[in-house]
Amino acid sequence: MSDVIYKPYTYIIGWSSLKVWYFGCEVGQKTKTANPDNLWTIYFTSSPRVKELRATHGEPDILKVCKVFETALEALECERNYLTRINAAGRSNWLNMHNGGK
């Protein structure tokens, strides 16, 4: 049995020298393993663009948990609202390929 406390959260990562950012959330709906302690220790996002940037430029220097939630739905809604507000998918300095949702 896992001792991990389920805490879905939103986060931002970035490469400040490149001025490139990614906003996301870890929700672990099925496994109930989402927790801010996972960020960049066992959770590295599912984004292929982040994976590519890590391979070419190394690890991001900005790693920040933005907000912790009670439910996955709250975290997903926050992610969608933020990405839509800034239109991350339409901006070249954001690695997000969509404005939340799939």
C-alpha atoms as a PDB file:
ATOM      1  CA  MET A   1       0.000   0.000   0.000  1.00  0.00           C
ATOM      2  CA  SER A   2       1.308   3.455  -0.940  1.00  0.00           C
ATOM      3  CA  ASP A   3       1.885   6.185   1.626  1.00  0.00           C
ATOM      4  CA  VAL A   4       1.600   8.899  -1.041  1.00  0.00           C
ATOM      5  CA  ILE A   5      -1.068  11.480  -0.283  1.00  0.00           C
ATOM      6  CA  TYR A   6      -3.109  12.221  -3.420  1.00  0.00           C
ATOM      7  CA  LYS A   7      -2.701  15.901  -4.310  1.00  0.00           C
ATOM      8  CA  PRO A   8      -3.342  16.844  -7.952  1.00  0.00           C
ATOM      9  CA  TYR A   9      -1.456  20.017  -8.828  1.00  0.00           C
ATOM     10  CA  THR A  10      -0.538  22.479 -11.556  1.00  0.00           C
ATOM     11  CA  TYR A  11       3.022  23.473 -12.322  1.00  0.00           C
ATOM     12  CA  ILE A  12       5.172  25.583 -14.597  1.00  0.00           C
ATOM     13  CA  ILE A  13       8.581  24.653 -15.896  1.00  0.00           C
ATOM     14  CA  GLY A  14      10.897  26.728 -18.018  1.00  0.00           C
ATOM     15  CA  TRP A  15      14.259  27.399 -19.500  1.00  0.00           C
ATOM     16  CA  SER A  16      14.822  31.037 -18.532  1.00  0.00           C
ATOM     17  CA  SER A  17      17.806  31.498 -20.862  1.00  0.00           C
ATOM     18  CA  LEU A  18      15.610  30.425 -23.802  1.00  0.00           C
ATOM     19  CA  LYS A  19      12.474  32.175 -22.475  1.00  0.00           C
ATOM     20  CA  VAL A  20      10.490  28.979 -23.109  1.00  0.00           C
ATOM     21  CA  TRP A  21       7.803  27.676 -20.756  1.00  0.00           C
ATOM     22  CA  TYR A  22       5.389  24.819 -20.181  1.00  0.00           C
ATOM     23  CA  PHE A  23       2.321  24.798 -17.922  1.00  0.00           C
ATOM     24  CA  GLY A  24       0.718  21.528 -16.935  1.00  0.00           C
ATOM     25  CA  CYS A  25      -0.830  19.404 -14.246  1.00  0.00           C
ATOM     26  CA  GLU A  26      -0.306  16.000 -12.727  1.00  0.00           C
ATOM     27  CA  VAL A  27      -3.594  14.355 -11.844  1.00  0.00           C
ATOM     28  CA  GLY A  28      -2.965  10.595 -11.734  1.00  0.00           C
ATOM     29  CA  GLN A  29      -6.691   9.912 -11.894  1.00  0.00           C
ATOM     30  CA  LYS A  30      -6.364   6.137 -12.162  1.00  0.00           C
ATOM     31  CA  THR A  31      -3.346   5.549  -9.944  1.00  0.00           C
ATOM     32  CA  LYS A  32      -4.055   8.296  -7.384  1.00  0.00           C
ATOM     33  CA  THR A  33      -0.330   9.006  -7.184  1.00  0.00           C
ATOM     34  CA  ALA A  34      -0.272  12.708  -8.097  1.00  0.00           C
ATOM     35  CA  ASN A  35       1.696  14.699  -5.548  1.00  0.00           C
ATOM     36  CA  PRO A  36       3.819  17.859  -5.818  1.00  0.00           C
ATOM     37  CA  ASP A  37       6.823  15.908  -4.520  1.00  0.00           C
ATOM     38  CA  ASN A  38       6.747  14.011  -7.841  1.00  0.00           C
ATOM     39  CA  LEU A  39       7.614  17.060  -9.962  1.00  0.00           C
ATOM     40  CA  TRP A  40      10.924  16.418 -11.681  1.00  0.00           C
ATOM     41  CA  THR A  41      11.702  13.478  -9.405  1.00  0.00           C
ATOM     42  CA  ILE A  42       9.389  10.825 -10.883  1.00  0.00           C
ATOM     43  CA  TYR A  43       7.024  12.981 -12.968  1.00  0.00           C
ATOM     44  CA  PHE A  44       8.447  14.813 -16.000  1.00  0.00           C
ATOM     45  CA  THR A  45       5.294  15.609 -18.055  1.00  0.00           C
ATOM     46  CA  SER A  46       4.041  13.671 -21.041  1.00  0.00           C
ATOM     47  CA  SER A  47       4.885  16.461 -23.486  1.00  0.00           C
ATOM     48  CA  PRO A  48       7.042  15.372 -26.429  1.00  0.00           C
ATOM     49  CA  ARG A  49       8.168  18.988 -26.870  1.00  0.00           C
ATOM     50  CA  VAL A  50       9.445  19.126 -23.281  1.00  0.00           C
ATOM     51  CA  LYS A  51      11.230  15.804 -23.791  1.00  0.00           C
ATOM     52  CA  GLU A  52      12.886  17.166 -26.934  1.00  0.00           C
ATOM     53  CA  LEU A  53      14.001  20.375 -25.220  1.00  0.00           C
ATOM     54  CA  ARG A  54      15.447  18.393 -22.301  1.00  0.00           C
ATOM     55  CA  ALA A  55      17.456  16.308 -24.773  1.00  0.00           C
ATOM     56  CA  THR A  56      18.860  19.348 -26.575  1.00  0.00           C
ATOM     57  CA  HIS A  57      19.185  21.921 -23.761  1.00  0.00           C
ATOM     58  CA  GLY A  58      19.255  19.961 -20.511  1.00  0.00           C
ATOM     59  CA  GLU A  59      16.987  20.273 -17.520  1.00  0.00           C
ATOM     60  CA  PRO A  60      14.783  23.324 -16.996  1.00  0.00           C
ATOM     61  CA  ASP A  61      15.999  25.841 -14.421  1.00  0.00           C
ATOM     62  CA  ILE A  62      12.457  26.863 -13.445  1.00  0.00           C
ATOM     63  CA  LEU A  63      10.360  24.202 -11.680  1.00  0.00           C
ATOM     64  CA  LYS A  64       7.423  25.546  -9.724  1.00  0.00           C
ATOM     65  CA  VAL A  65       4.301  23.970  -8.288  1.00  0.00           C
ATOM     66  CA  CYS A  66       1.608  26.602  -8.777  1.00  0.00           C
ATOM     67  CA  LYS A  67      -1.414  25.228  -6.941  1.00  0.00           C
ATOM     68  CA  VAL A  68      -2.518  22.022  -5.212  1.00  0.00           C
ATOM     69  CA  PHE A  69      -6.091  20.734  -5.553  1.00  0.00           C
ATOM     70  CA  GLU A  70      -8.433  18.258  -3.913  1.00  0.00           C
ATOM     71  CA  THR A  71      -9.563  16.684  -7.202  1.00  0.00           C
ATOM     72  CA  ALA A  72      -8.193  15.947 -10.656  1.00  0.00           C
ATOM     73  CA  LEU A  73     -11.077  17.883 -12.222  1.00  0.00           C
ATOM     74  CA  GLU A  74     -10.106  21.054 -10.358  1.00  0.00           C
ATOM     75  CA  ALA A  75      -6.488  20.754 -11.554  1.00  0.00           C
ATOM     76  CA  LEU A  76      -7.538  20.067 -15.147  1.00  0.00           C
ATOM     77  CA  GLU A  77      -9.924  23.035 -15.136  1.00  0.00           C
ATOM     78  CA  CYS A  78      -7.209  25.316 -13.774  1.00  0.00           C
ATOM     79  CA  GLU A  79      -4.793  24.124 -16.459  1.00  0.00           C
ATOM     80  CA  ARG A  80      -7.342  24.695 -19.223  1.00  0.00           C
ATOM     81  CA  ASN A  81      -8.344  28.135 -17.914  1.00  0.00           C
ATOM     82  CA  TYR A  82      -4.746  29.341 -17.642  1.00  0.00           C
ATOM     83  CA  LEU A  83      -3.632  28.000 -21.019  1.00  0.00           C
ATOM     84  CA  THR A  84      -6.732  29.415 -22.719  1.00  0.00           C
ATOM     85  CA  ARG A  85      -6.289  32.821 -21.057  1.00  0.00           C
ATOM     86  CA  ILE A  86      -2.712  33.153 -22.318  1.00  0.00           C
ATOM     87  CA  ASN A  87      -3.364  31.192 -25.548  1.00  0.00           C
ATOM     88  CA  ALA A  88      -0.276  29.089 -24.908  1.00  0.00           C
ATOM     89  CA  ALA A  89      -0.878  26.896 -27.973  1.00  0.00           C
ATOM     90  CA  GLY A  90      -0.683  29.971 -30.185  1.00  0.00           C
ATOM     91  CA  ARG A  91       2.530  31.383 -28.706  1.00  0.00           C
ATOM     92  CA  SER A  92       5.989  30.332 -29.808  1.00  0.00           C
ATOM     93  CA  ASN A  93       7.547  30.691 -26.348  1.00  0.00           C
ATOM     94  CA  TRP A  94       5.152  28.109 -24.848  1.00  0.00           C
ATOM     95  CA  LEU A  95       5.718  24.403 -25.399  1.00  0.00           C
ATOM     96  CA  ASN A  96       2.050  23.514 -24.832  1.00  0.00           C
ATOM     97  CA  MET A  97       0.524  22.107 -28.017  1.00  0.00           C
ATOM     98  CA  HIS A  98      -3.043  22.783 -26.868  1.00  0.00           C
ATOM     99  CA  ASN A  99      -4.843  25.008 -24.390  1.00  0.00           C
ATOM    100  CA  GLY A 100      -5.864  22.204 -22.063  1.00  0.00           C
ATOM    101  CA  GLY A 101      -8.054  19.202 -22.626  1.00  0.00           C
ATOM    102  CA  LYS A 102      -7.352  16.504 -25.148  1.00  0.00           C
END
